[in-house]
């Protein structure tokens, strides 16, 4: 049980990480906090209305960039068809 607890403890949504200021869905804050706590560089979501503000053509805040599924595929140089062949 200690192993499971330590793994899931990474996604604890308690402070010290606070998401960006401004209008957003507070129910999405846990995604940013979990990304910061586990050292993720990206969050992939289609919920673009609640992405951080765009700066220099990127939606990022405090080292975490938010990407749509399509942008993530472009970034890794794959198409949806190519990835589906592995499923």
C-alpha atoms as a PDB file:
ATOM      1  CA  UNK A   1       0.000   0.000   0.000  1.00  0.00           C
ATOM      2  CA  UNK A   2       2.912   2.393   0.662  1.00  0.00           C
ATOM      3  CA  UNK A   3       4.000   2.140  -2.970  1.00  0.00           C
ATOM      4  CA  UNK A   4       0.548   3.051  -4.247  1.00  0.00           C
ATOM      5  CA  UNK A   5       0.302   5.942  -1.795  1.00  0.00           C
ATOM      6  CA  UNK A   6       3.674   7.356  -2.840  1.00  0.00           C
ATOM      7  CA  UNK A   7       2.793   7.184  -6.553  1.00  0.00           C
ATOM      8  CA  UNK A   8      -0.572   8.839  -6.161  1.00  0.00           C
ATOM      9  CA  UNK A   9       0.817  11.410  -3.764  1.00  0.00           C
ATOM     10  CA  UNK A  10       2.498  13.061  -6.758  1.00  0.00           C
ATOM     11  CA  UNK A  11      -0.869  14.317  -7.996  1.00  0.00           C
ATOM     12  CA  UNK A  12      -1.848  15.899  -4.689  1.00  0.00           C
ATOM     13  CA  UNK A  13      -3.505  19.191  -5.616  1.00  0.00           C
ATOM     14  CA  UNK A  14      -2.552  21.084  -2.474  1.00  0.00           C
ATOM     15  CA  UNK A  15      -0.264  24.162  -2.583  1.00  0.00           C
ATOM     16  CA  UNK A  16       2.491  25.383  -3.157  1.00  0.00           C
ATOM     17  CA  UNK A  17       1.764  25.427  -6.897  1.00  0.00           C
ATOM     18  CA  UNK A  18      -0.863  27.917  -7.969  1.00  0.00           C
ATOM     19  CA  UNK A  19      -2.075  28.207 -11.526  1.00  0.00           C
ATOM     20  CA  UNK A  20      -2.021  31.395 -13.549  1.00  0.00           C
ATOM     21  CA  UNK A  21      -4.056  34.427 -12.493  1.00  0.00           C
ATOM     22  CA  UNK A  22      -7.095  35.429 -14.479  1.00  0.00           C
ATOM     23  CA  UNK A  23     -10.280  33.820 -15.742  1.00  0.00           C
ATOM     24  CA  UNK A  24     -10.211  30.043 -15.932  1.00  0.00           C
ATOM     25  CA  UNK A  25     -12.119  27.029 -14.681  1.00  0.00           C
ATOM     26  CA  UNK A  26     -11.044  26.427 -11.053  1.00  0.00           C
ATOM     27  CA  UNK A  27     -11.988  22.759 -11.522  1.00  0.00           C
ATOM     28  CA  UNK A  28      -8.993  22.464 -13.899  1.00  0.00           C
ATOM     29  CA  UNK A  29      -6.385  23.718 -11.413  1.00  0.00           C
ATOM     30  CA  UNK A  30      -5.552  20.158 -10.364  1.00  0.00           C
ATOM     31  CA  UNK A  31      -4.162  19.475 -13.867  1.00  0.00           C
ATOM     32  CA  UNK A  32      -1.604  22.260 -13.575  1.00  0.00           C
ATOM     33  CA  UNK A  33      -0.704  21.327 -10.007  1.00  0.00           C
ATOM     34  CA  UNK A  34      -0.238  17.660 -10.933  1.00  0.00           C
ATOM     35  CA  UNK A  35       1.910  18.630 -13.935  1.00  0.00           C
ATOM     36  CA  UNK A  36       4.156  20.812 -11.745  1.00  0.00           C
ATOM     37  CA  UNK A  37       4.464  18.208  -9.000  1.00  0.00           C
ATOM     38  CA  UNK A  38       5.503  15.421 -11.361  1.00  0.00           C
ATOM     39  CA  UNK A  39       7.762  17.612 -13.501  1.00  0.00           C
ATOM     40  CA  UNK A  40       5.652  17.405 -16.670  1.00  0.00           C
ATOM     41  CA  UNK A  41       6.418  19.869 -19.434  1.00  0.00           C
ATOM     42  CA  UNK A  42       3.049  19.487 -21.188  1.00  0.00           C
ATOM     43  CA  UNK A  43      -0.660  19.118 -20.525  1.00  0.00           C
ATOM     44  CA  UNK A  44      -2.663  17.767 -23.477  1.00  0.00           C
ATOM     45  CA  UNK A  45      -6.306  18.807 -23.558  1.00  0.00           C
ATOM     46  CA  UNK A  46      -9.009  19.914 -25.951  1.00  0.00           C
ATOM     47  CA  UNK A  47     -10.358  22.371 -23.355  1.00  0.00           C
ATOM     48  CA  UNK A  48      -8.645  25.381 -24.941  1.00  0.00           C
ATOM     49  CA  UNK A  49     -10.965  27.881 -23.260  1.00  0.00           C
ATOM     50  CA  UNK A  50      -9.178  27.199 -19.982  1.00  0.00           C
ATOM     51  CA  UNK A  51      -5.601  27.176 -21.279  1.00  0.00           C
ATOM     52  CA  UNK A  52      -3.189  29.770 -19.871  1.00  0.00           C
ATOM     53  CA  UNK A  53      -2.938  33.063 -21.764  1.00  0.00           C
ATOM     54  CA  UNK A  54      -1.028  32.864 -25.065  1.00  0.00           C
ATOM     55  CA  UNK A  55       2.435  34.420 -24.909  1.00  0.00           C
ATOM     56  CA  UNK A  56       4.797  34.230 -27.889  1.00  0.00           C
ATOM     57  CA  UNK A  57       2.291  31.942 -29.687  1.00  0.00           C
ATOM     58  CA  UNK A  58       2.263  29.391 -26.843  1.00  0.00           C
ATOM     59  CA  UNK A  59      -0.184  28.659 -24.033  1.00  0.00           C
ATOM     60  CA  UNK A  60       2.184  28.072 -21.188  1.00  0.00           C
ATOM     61  CA  UNK A  61       2.657  29.054 -17.592  1.00  0.00           C
ATOM     62  CA  UNK A  62       5.514  28.420 -15.191  1.00  0.00           C
ATOM     63  CA  UNK A  63       7.205  25.879 -17.442  1.00  0.00           C
ATOM     64  CA  UNK A  64       4.087  23.864 -18.352  1.00  0.00           C
ATOM     65  CA  UNK A  65       2.832  24.171 -21.927  1.00  0.00           C
ATOM     66  CA  UNK A  66      -0.766  23.331 -22.808  1.00  0.00           C
ATOM     67  CA  UNK A  67      -1.314  21.604 -26.149  1.00  0.00           C
ATOM     68  CA  UNK A  68      -4.306  20.313 -28.039  1.00  0.00           C
ATOM     69  CA  UNK A  69      -4.191  16.706 -29.192  1.00  0.00           C
ATOM     70  CA  UNK A  70      -3.522  17.856 -32.760  1.00  0.00           C
ATOM     71  CA  UNK A  71      -0.659  20.146 -31.690  1.00  0.00           C
ATOM     72  CA  UNK A  72       0.879  17.354 -29.643  1.00  0.00           C
ATOM     73  CA  UNK A  73       0.815  15.048 -32.684  1.00  0.00           C
ATOM     74  CA  UNK A  74       2.437  17.750 -34.840  1.00  0.00           C
ATOM     75  CA  UNK A  75       5.076  18.323 -32.196  1.00  0.00           C
ATOM     76  CA  UNK A  76       6.103  14.673 -32.155  1.00  0.00           C
ATOM     77  CA  UNK A  77       5.889  14.423 -35.941  1.00  0.00           C
ATOM     78  CA  UNK A  78       3.100  11.862 -36.121  1.00  0.00           C
ATOM     79  CA  UNK A  79      -0.408  11.746 -37.511  1.00  0.00           C
ATOM     80  CA  UNK A  80      -3.425  10.246 -35.833  1.00  0.00           C
ATOM     81  CA  UNK A  81      -3.486   7.475 -38.450  1.00  0.00           C
ATOM     82  CA  UNK A  82       0.134   6.557 -37.709  1.00  0.00           C
ATOM     83  CA  UNK A  83      -0.517   6.370 -33.973  1.00  0.00           C
ATOM     84  CA  UNK A  84      -3.709   4.321 -34.333  1.00  0.00           C
ATOM     85  CA  UNK A  85      -1.791   1.536 -36.028  1.00  0.00           C
ATOM     86  CA  UNK A  86      -0.183   0.784 -32.652  1.00  0.00           C
ATOM     87  CA  UNK A  87      -3.520   0.403 -30.830  1.00  0.00           C
END
